[in-house]
Amino acid sequence: MRLVTVVLIILLVLIQYPLWWGHGGWLRVHELQQQLAQQQKQNDDEKLRNERIAGEVQDLQSGTAAVEERARYEMGMVKDSEVFVQFVSPNQTPPVTPSGSSNTSTRGEMSAAPVRVVPNPVSRVPEKKHGHGKEAKKAG
C-alpha cells in the first residue's frame, strides 16, 4: 500500500510539472498576458499619435492657418504688414554663441543689441500692379 501511495504522488508531481512550468503552463500564460497588455497599451499610444499626425496633415492641407503658424513659430517668419519686436532685459547677459553660426536660426535666442522699432517699415517684396489702383484711373 505504501508503494502505491509513493507511485501516485510521483505521478501527481509528473502531471503537475507541465501544468505549471511547461510550454503552455500557467506561468507562461501569465507572462504572455502581461506582454499582451503592454503591447496593447503601446498600440493605443501609437494610434493616438497617428490621429494627431493625421489631424495636423489635414490642417496643413485644408488651409493656410496651420502653415502660417508653423512659419511663425518654427521659422520665425513675419508677414509684410507686421513689425517684429523683441524685448531684451537690460540686466540679462547675452548668451554665448559660437562664431560662424550666422546662418543658424536665432529663434529663442536673445541679442545684446538694443531693440529698435521701425515706425513705418518698407516691405522688400515688390508691390503687384493690378491695374485697379489710382495710377490706372489717372491714365484712363
Protein backbone atom coordinates (compact mmCIF):
# COMPACT_ATOMS: atom_id res chain seq x y z
CA MET A 1 0.00 0.00 0.00
CA ARG A 2 2.86 2.28 0.78
CA LEU A 3 4.37 1.67 -2.65
CA VAL A 4 1.09 2.59 -4.36
CA THR A 5 0.94 5.88 -2.43
CA VAL A 6 4.51 6.80 -3.43
CA VAL A 7 3.85 5.93 -7.08
CA LEU A 8 0.65 8.02 -7.09
CA ILE A 9 2.45 11.02 -5.55
CA ILE A 10 5.23 10.74 -8.14
CA LEU A 11 2.64 10.55 -10.94
CA LEU A 12 0.83 13.57 -9.49
CA VAL A 13 4.08 15.56 -9.47
CA LEU A 14 4.87 14.50 -13.04
CA ILE A 15 1.42 15.62 -14.18
CA GLN A 16 1.70 18.95 -12.35
CA TYR A 17 5.12 19.87 -13.77
CA PRO A 18 3.92 20.63 -17.34
CA LEU A 19 0.86 22.40 -15.98
CA TRP A 20 2.99 24.94 -14.11
CA TRP A 21 6.36 25.11 -15.87
CA GLY A 22 5.79 23.51 -19.26
CA HIS A 23 5.41 25.11 -22.69
CA GLY A 24 1.76 26.04 -22.18
CA GLY A 25 1.87 26.24 -18.39
CA TRP A 26 0.21 28.77 -16.12
CA LEU A 27 3.38 30.79 -15.60
CA ARG A 28 3.94 31.11 -19.35
CA VAL A 29 0.30 32.13 -19.86
CA HIS A 30 0.65 34.80 -17.17
CA GLU A 31 3.83 36.13 -18.81
CA LEU A 32 2.14 36.25 -22.23
CA GLN A 33 -0.86 38.11 -20.78
CA GLN A 34 1.48 40.77 -19.38
CA GLN A 35 3.22 41.11 -22.75
CA LEU A 36 -0.16 41.39 -24.47
CA ALA A 37 -1.32 44.14 -22.10
CA GLN A 38 1.94 46.04 -22.65
CA GLN A 39 1.65 45.73 -26.44
CA GLN A 40 -1.99 46.88 -26.40
CA LYS A 41 -1.00 49.97 -24.40
CA GLN A 42 1.78 50.70 -26.87
CA ASN A 43 -0.66 50.25 -29.78
CA ASP A 44 -3.14 52.66 -28.16
CA ASP A 45 -0.36 55.25 -27.72
CA GLU A 46 0.66 54.85 -31.37
CA LYS A 47 -2.99 55.18 -32.52
CA LEU A 48 -3.30 58.43 -30.60
CA ARG A 49 -0.04 59.68 -32.14
CA ASN A 50 -1.24 58.70 -35.62
CA GLU A 51 -4.55 60.52 -35.07
CA ARG A 52 -2.68 63.67 -34.03
CA ILE A 53 -0.44 63.48 -37.08
CA ALA A 54 -3.45 62.86 -39.35
CA GLY A 55 -5.18 65.92 -37.88
CA GLU A 56 -2.06 68.00 -38.42
CA VAL A 57 -1.81 66.81 -42.03
CA GLN A 58 -5.48 67.65 -42.54
CA ASP A 59 -4.91 71.15 -41.13
CA LEU A 60 -1.89 71.68 -43.36
CA GLN A 61 -3.80 70.52 -46.45
CA SER A 62 -7.05 72.35 -45.78
CA GLY A 63 -5.96 75.89 -45.04
CA THR A 64 -3.20 78.38 -44.55
CA ALA A 65 -3.62 78.90 -40.79
CA ALA A 66 -1.54 75.84 -39.85
CA VAL A 67 1.14 76.68 -42.40
CA GLU A 68 1.26 80.26 -41.13
CA GLU A 69 1.53 79.08 -37.53
CA ARG A 70 4.43 76.77 -38.38
CA ALA A 71 6.17 79.53 -40.32
CA ARG A 72 5.85 81.89 -37.36
CA TYR A 73 6.86 79.63 -34.50
CA GLU A 74 9.29 77.22 -36.13
CA MET A 75 10.97 79.51 -38.65
CA GLY A 76 10.49 82.93 -37.05
CA MET A 77 8.78 84.44 -40.10
CA VAL A 78 6.53 87.54 -40.06
CA LYS A 79 4.07 88.99 -42.57
CA ASP A 80 4.88 92.04 -44.66
CA SER A 81 2.48 94.25 -42.73
CA GLU A 82 3.78 93.20 -39.31
CA VAL A 83 6.56 94.58 -37.17
CA PHE A 84 8.64 92.15 -35.13
CA VAL A 85 9.57 93.49 -31.69
CA GLN A 86 11.80 91.59 -29.28
CA PHE A 87 12.16 92.74 -25.69
CA VAL A 88 15.55 92.24 -24.08
CA SER A 89 16.10 92.64 -20.37
CA PRO A 90 18.90 95.16 -19.72
CA ASN A 91 20.20 93.13 -16.75
CA GLN A 92 20.49 89.87 -18.60
CA THR A 93 23.78 88.86 -20.18
CA PRO A 94 23.59 87.73 -23.80
CA PRO A 95 24.11 84.02 -24.48
CA VAL A 96 27.48 82.98 -25.84
CA THR A 97 27.16 81.93 -29.47
CA PRO A 98 29.93 80.27 -31.42
CA SER A 99 31.46 82.37 -34.17
CA GLY A 100 30.50 81.36 -37.66
CA SER A 101 26.94 80.45 -36.77
CA SER A 102 25.43 83.38 -38.65
CA ASN A 103 23.28 81.15 -40.85
CA THR A 104 21.58 79.37 -37.91
CA SER A 105 18.18 80.30 -36.59
CA THR A 106 18.02 82.94 -33.84
CA ARG A 107 14.60 81.85 -32.65
CA GLY A 108 14.63 81.71 -28.89
CA GLU A 109 17.97 83.48 -28.58
CA MET A 110 18.35 87.00 -27.24
CA SER A 111 20.56 89.59 -28.85
CA ALA A 112 22.82 92.00 -26.96
CA ALA A 113 21.96 94.77 -29.43
CA PRO A 114 19.38 97.32 -28.26
CA VAL A 115 15.85 96.92 -29.53
CA ARG A 116 14.99 99.19 -32.41
CA VAL A 117 11.46 99.75 -33.64
CA VAL A 118 10.95 100.98 -37.17
CA PRO A 119 7.79 103.16 -37.28
CA ASN A 120 6.90 102.59 -40.95
CA PRO A 121 8.78 99.58 -42.27
CA VAL A 122 9.23 99.28 -46.00
CA SER A 123 8.42 95.93 -47.49
CA ARG A 124 11.13 94.22 -49.50
CA VAL A 125 8.51 92.45 -51.58
CA PRO A 126 7.64 94.35 -54.76
CA GLU A 127 4.04 95.51 -54.93
CA LYS A 128 1.81 93.85 -57.51
CA LYS A 129 0.19 96.13 -60.07
CA HIS A 130 -3.35 95.00 -60.76
CA GLY A 131 -4.47 97.93 -62.92
CA HIS A 132 -7.20 98.88 -60.46
CA GLY A 133 -5.22 101.43 -58.45
CA LYS A 134 -5.02 105.24 -58.63
CA GLU A 135 -2.47 105.23 -61.45
CA ALA A 136 -4.80 103.17 -63.64
CA LYS A 137 -7.63 105.64 -63.05
CA LYS A 138 -5.41 108.63 -63.85
CA ALA A 139 -4.19 107.05 -67.07
CA GLY A 140 -7.73 106.11 -68.18
